[in-house]
């Protein structure tokens, strides 16, 4: 058995930075060539600890940026004008790409894939759309779909 320190999360083995004991063949043929682990030497332990600290600092800064962006998104209400039938159903639809473009026009840049719109909006009225900015941070953008004046 060989002691290794994991550089990345490995399913059914452990998390990054964790020390594991594996068979030599698994280490030699899978973990080490793919860069998923280091041998458990003193130098490598210090190296992995430094990488973990850097990863934590980066994660905290990403979370702080996401929080700041979430407050900016929460302050925005988007208004869309569309043609609709008598029952309030739109003739077209409003997609996550449309919402992302309007957010960008309002000064907030968000990737459309982060907008968690289950189905395109096809009804008039107010809608609250979740936006996943970080795995810990979620914002909600308010969307008002009104009838287009002809």
C-alpha atoms as a PDB file:
ATOM      1  CA  UNK A   1       0.000   0.000   0.000  1.00  0.00           C
ATOM      2  CA  UNK A   2       1.170   3.509  -0.870  1.00  0.00           C
ATOM      3  CA  UNK A   3       0.301   6.763   0.896  1.00  0.00           C
ATOM      4  CA  UNK A   4      -0.827   9.553  -1.437  1.00  0.00           C
ATOM      5  CA  UNK A   5      -2.211  13.066  -1.080  1.00  0.00           C
ATOM      6  CA  UNK A   6      -5.129  13.830  -3.404  1.00  0.00           C
ATOM      7  CA  UNK A   7      -4.852  16.981  -5.522  1.00  0.00           C
ATOM      8  CA  UNK A   8      -8.465  16.808  -6.705  1.00  0.00           C
ATOM      9  CA  UNK A   9     -11.662  15.147  -5.552  1.00  0.00           C
ATOM     10  CA  UNK A  10     -11.712  11.512  -6.662  1.00  0.00           C
ATOM     11  CA  UNK A  11     -15.111   9.769  -6.476  1.00  0.00           C
ATOM     12  CA  UNK A  12     -15.206   6.855  -4.026  1.00  0.00           C
ATOM     13  CA  UNK A  13     -11.707   7.693  -2.773  1.00  0.00           C
ATOM     14  CA  UNK A  14     -11.602  11.120  -1.146  1.00  0.00           C
ATOM     15  CA  UNK A  15     -11.529  14.898  -1.365  1.00  0.00           C
ATOM     16  CA  UNK A  16      -8.702  17.196  -2.443  1.00  0.00           C
ATOM     17  CA  UNK A  17      -5.972  17.521   0.201  1.00  0.00           C
ATOM     18  CA  UNK A  18      -6.903  14.271   1.907  1.00  0.00           C
ATOM     19  CA  UNK A  19      -4.272  11.594   2.562  1.00  0.00           C
ATOM     20  CA  UNK A  20      -5.272   8.147   1.268  1.00  0.00           C
ATOM     21  CA  UNK A  21      -3.715   4.711   1.165  1.00  0.00           C
ATOM     22  CA  UNK A  22      -4.076   2.864  -2.145  1.00  0.00           C
ATOM     23  CA  UNK A  23      -2.611  -0.137  -3.912  1.00  0.00           C
ATOM     24  CA  UNK A  24       0.581   0.519  -5.903  1.00  0.00           C
ATOM     25  CA  UNK A  25      -0.961  -0.333  -9.279  1.00  0.00           C
ATOM     26  CA  UNK A  26      -3.873   2.068  -8.806  1.00  0.00           C
ATOM     27  CA  UNK A  27      -1.446   4.837  -7.867  1.00  0.00           C
ATOM     28  CA  UNK A  28       1.061   4.088 -10.643  1.00  0.00           C
ATOM     29  CA  UNK A  29      -1.445   3.517 -13.451  1.00  0.00           C
ATOM     30  CA  UNK A  30      -4.302   5.903 -12.660  1.00  0.00           C
ATOM     31  CA  UNK A  31      -3.818   8.539  -9.966  1.00  0.00           C
ATOM     32  CA  UNK A  32      -0.233   9.694 -10.564  1.00  0.00           C
ATOM     33  CA  UNK A  33      -0.277   9.868 -14.411  1.00  0.00           C
ATOM     34  CA  UNK A  34      -3.495  11.917 -14.393  1.00  0.00           C
ATOM     35  CA  UNK A  35      -2.153  14.316 -11.772  1.00  0.00           C
ATOM     36  CA  UNK A  36      -4.901  13.445  -9.310  1.00  0.00           C
ATOM     37  CA  UNK A  37      -2.474  12.710  -6.459  1.00  0.00           C
ATOM     38  CA  UNK A  38       1.064  13.234  -5.141  1.00  0.00           C
ATOM     39  CA  UNK A  39       3.241  10.890  -3.152  1.00  0.00           C
ATOM     40  CA  UNK A  40       2.945  11.692   0.544  1.00  0.00           C
ATOM     41  CA  UNK A  41       6.325  13.364   1.129  1.00  0.00           C
ATOM     42  CA  UNK A  42       6.905  16.353   3.408  1.00  0.00           C
ATOM     43  CA  UNK A  43       7.468  18.677   0.438  1.00  0.00           C
ATOM     44  CA  UNK A  44       4.290  17.546  -1.265  1.00  0.00           C
ATOM     45  CA  UNK A  45       2.301  17.969   1.961  1.00  0.00           C
ATOM     46  CA  UNK A  46       3.424  21.599   2.147  1.00  0.00           C
ATOM     47  CA  UNK A  47       2.651  22.046  -1.539  1.00  0.00           C
ATOM     48  CA  UNK A  48      -0.885  20.665  -1.154  1.00  0.00           C
ATOM     49  CA  UNK A  49      -1.493  22.830   1.922  1.00  0.00           C
ATOM     50  CA  UNK A  50      -0.438  25.918  -0.068  1.00  0.00           C
ATOM     51  CA  UNK A  51      -2.741  24.906  -2.940  1.00  0.00           C
ATOM     52  CA  UNK A  52      -5.614  24.414  -0.475  1.00  0.00           C
ATOM     53  CA  UNK A  53      -5.059  27.876   1.015  1.00  0.00           C
ATOM     54  CA  UNK A  54      -4.980  29.431  -2.452  1.00  0.00           C
ATOM     55  CA  UNK A  55      -8.157  27.536  -3.396  1.00  0.00           C
ATOM     56  CA  UNK A  56      -9.898  28.791  -0.226  1.00  0.00           C
ATOM     57  CA  UNK A  57      -8.868  32.384  -0.903  1.00  0.00           C
ATOM     58  CA  UNK A  58     -10.118  32.111  -4.497  1.00  0.00           C
ATOM     59  CA  UNK A  59     -13.386  30.531  -3.347  1.00  0.00           C
ATOM     60  CA  UNK A  60     -13.951  33.301  -0.795  1.00  0.00           C
ATOM     61  CA  UNK A  61     -13.297  36.022  -3.365  1.00  0.00           C
ATOM     62  CA  UNK A  62     -15.610  34.288  -5.877  1.00  0.00           C
ATOM     63  CA  UNK A  63     -18.314  34.055  -3.205  1.00  0.00           C
ATOM     64  CA  UNK A  64     -17.898  37.753  -2.320  1.00  0.00           C
ATOM     65  CA  UNK A  65     -18.163  38.754  -5.993  1.00  0.00           C
ATOM     66  CA  UNK A  66     -21.280  36.593  -6.354  1.00  0.00           C
ATOM     67  CA  UNK A  67     -22.856  38.204  -3.263  1.00  0.00           C
ATOM     68  CA  UNK A  68     -22.195  41.682  -4.663  1.00  0.00           C
ATOM     69  CA  UNK A  69     -23.658  40.665  -8.030  1.00  0.00           C
ATOM     70  CA  UNK A  70     -26.691  39.142  -6.277  1.00  0.00           C
ATOM     71  CA  UNK A  71     -27.479  42.447  -4.564  1.00  0.00           C
ATOM     72  CA  UNK A  72     -27.235  44.257  -7.911  1.00  0.00           C
ATOM     73  CA  UNK A  73     -29.527  41.684  -9.561  1.00  0.00           C
ATOM     74  CA  UNK A  74     -32.018  41.924  -6.696  1.00  0.00           C
ATOM     75  CA  UNK A  75     -32.371  45.667  -7.290  1.00  0.00           C
ATOM     76  CA  UNK A  76     -33.342  45.196 -10.963  1.00  0.00           C
ATOM     77  CA  UNK A  77     -36.837  44.655 -12.328  1.00  0.00           C
ATOM     78  CA  UNK A  78     -36.931  43.813 -16.025  1.00  0.00           C
ATOM     79  CA  UNK A  79     -39.911  44.719 -18.154  1.00  0.00           C
ATOM     80  CA  UNK A  80     -40.751  42.946 -21.385  1.00  0.00           C
ATOM     81  CA  UNK A  81     -43.475  43.977 -23.803  1.00  0.00           C
ATOM     82  CA  UNK A  82     -44.970  41.235 -25.958  1.00  0.00           C
ATOM     83  CA  UNK A  83     -48.070  40.488 -27.988  1.00  0.00           C
ATOM     84  CA  UNK A  84     -50.540  38.251 -26.215  1.00  0.00           C
ATOM     85  CA  UNK A  85     -53.876  36.623 -26.820  1.00  0.00           C
ATOM     86  CA  UNK A  86     -57.117  37.179 -24.911  1.00  0.00           C
ATOM     87  CA  UNK A  87     -56.204  34.648 -22.214  1.00  0.00           C
ATOM     88  CA  UNK A  88     -52.860  36.318 -21.407  1.00  0.00           C
ATOM     89  CA  UNK A  89     -50.694  33.782 -23.254  1.00  0.00           C
ATOM     90  CA  UNK A  90     -47.872  35.262 -25.267  1.00  0.00           C
ATOM     91  CA  UNK A  91     -47.647  34.613 -28.990  1.00  0.00           C
ATOM     92  CA  UNK A  92     -43.898  34.138 -28.550  1.00  0.00           C
ATOM     93  CA  UNK A  93     -41.887  33.465 -25.424  1.00  0.00           C
ATOM     94  CA  UNK A  94     -39.219  35.063 -23.260  1.00  0.00           C
ATOM     95  CA  UNK A  95     -36.119  32.908 -22.806  1.00  0.00           C
ATOM     96  CA  UNK A  96     -33.135  32.989 -20.488  1.00  0.00           C
ATOM     97  CA  UNK A  97     -31.097  34.565 -23.322  1.00  0.00           C
ATOM     98  CA  UNK A  98     -33.618  37.430 -23.506  1.00  0.00           C
ATOM     99  CA  UNK A  99     -33.343  37.939 -19.758  1.00  0.00           C
ATOM    100  CA  UNK A 100     -29.522  37.867 -19.919  1.00  0.00           C
ATOM    101  CA  UNK A 101     -29.533  40.516 -22.686  1.00  0.00           C
ATOM    102  CA  UNK A 102     -31.837  42.785 -20.681  1.00  0.00           C
ATOM    103  CA  UNK A 103     -29.701  42.327 -17.560  1.00  0.00           C
ATOM    104  CA  UNK A 104     -26.624  43.270 -19.577  1.00  0.00           C
ATOM    105  CA  UNK A 105     -28.416  46.381 -20.849  1.00  0.00           C
ATOM    106  CA  UNK A 106     -29.158  47.229 -17.206  1.00  0.00           C
ATOM    107  CA  UNK A 107     -25.453  46.992 -16.389  1.00  0.00           C
ATOM    108  CA  UNK A 108     -25.366  43.481 -14.877  1.00  0.00           C
ATOM    109  CA  UNK A 109     -23.527  40.824 -16.884  1.00  0.00           C
ATOM    110  CA  UNK A 110     -24.769  37.272 -16.256  1.00  0.00           C
ATOM    111  CA  UNK A 111     -24.253  34.153 -18.356  1.00  0.00           C
ATOM    112  CA  UNK A 112     -27.597  32.910 -19.678  1.00  0.00           C
ATOM    113  CA  UNK A 113     -26.822  29.376 -18.441  1.00  0.00           C
ATOM    114  CA  UNK A 114     -26.856  30.664 -14.864  1.00  0.00           C
ATOM    115  CA  UNK A 115     -30.459  31.806 -15.224  1.00  0.00           C
ATOM    116  CA  UNK A 116     -32.517  28.867 -13.973  1.00  0.00           C
ATOM    117  CA  UNK A 117     -35.576  29.251 -16.124  1.00  0.00           C
ATOM    118  CA  UNK A 118     -37.354  25.882 -16.300  1.00  0.00           C
ATOM    119  CA  UNK A 119     -39.514  26.846 -19.276  1.00  0.00           C
ATOM    120  CA  UNK A 120     -39.608  30.005 -21.379  1.00  0.00           C
ATOM    121  CA  UNK A 121     -42.078  32.583 -20.057  1.00  0.00           C
ATOM    122  CA  UNK A 122     -45.354  32.451 -21.979  1.00  0.00           C
ATOM    123  CA  UNK A 123     -47.713  34.269 -19.571  1.00  0.00           C
ATOM    124  CA  UNK A 124     -48.289  37.935 -18.816  1.00  0.00           C
ATOM    125  CA  UNK A 125     -47.557  39.146 -15.300  1.00  0.00           C
ATOM    126  CA  UNK A 126     -44.761  39.240 -12.759  1.00  0.00           C
ATOM    127  CA  UNK A 127     -42.305  36.357 -12.537  1.00  0.00           C
ATOM    128  CA  UNK A 128     -39.458  35.750 -10.111  1.00  0.00           C
ATOM    129  CA  UNK A 129     -36.574  33.963 -11.864  1.00  0.00           C
ATOM    130  CA  UNK A 130     -33.717  32.361  -9.875  1.00  0.00           C
ATOM    131  CA  UNK A 131     -30.135  33.035 -10.966  1.00  0.00           C
ATOM    132  CA  UNK A 132     -27.414  30.678  -9.668  1.00  0.00           C
ATOM    133  CA  UNK A 133     -24.270  32.791  -9.346  1.00  0.00           C
ATOM    134  CA  UNK A 134     -22.205  30.479  -7.129  1.00  0.00           C
ATOM    135  CA  UNK A 135     -22.955  27.151  -5.505  1.00  0.00           C
ATOM    136  CA  UNK A 136     -23.669  29.092  -2.266  1.00  0.00           C
ATOM    137  CA  UNK A 137     -25.229  32.226  -3.774  1.00  0.00           C
ATOM    138  CA  UNK A 138     -28.545  32.496  -5.585  1.00  0.00           C
ATOM    139  CA  UNK A 139     -30.259  35.716  -6.640  1.00  0.00           C
ATOM    140  CA  UNK A 140     -33.721  36.376  -7.987  1.00  0.00           C
ATOM    141  CA  UNK A 141     -34.495  38.705 -10.849  1.00  0.00           C
ATOM    142  CA  UNK A 142     -38.014  40.102 -11.126  1.00  0.00           C
ATOM    143  CA  UNK A 143     -39.488  40.050 -14.614  1.00  0.00           C
ATOM    144  CA  UNK A 144     -42.671  41.858 -15.609  1.00  0.00           C
ATOM    145  CA  UNK A 145     -44.243  40.706 -18.858  1.00  0.00           C
ATOM    146  CA  UNK A 146     -46.765  43.259 -20.092  1.00  0.00           C
ATOM    147  CA  UNK A 147     -48.919  43.451 -23.167  1.00  0.00           C
ATOM    148  CA  UNK A 148     -47.472  45.391 -26.100  1.00  0.00           C
ATOM    149  CA  UNK A 149     -49.417  48.525 -27.017  1.00  0.00           C
ATOM    150  CA  UNK A 150     -50.231  48.646 -30.712  1.00  0.00           C
END
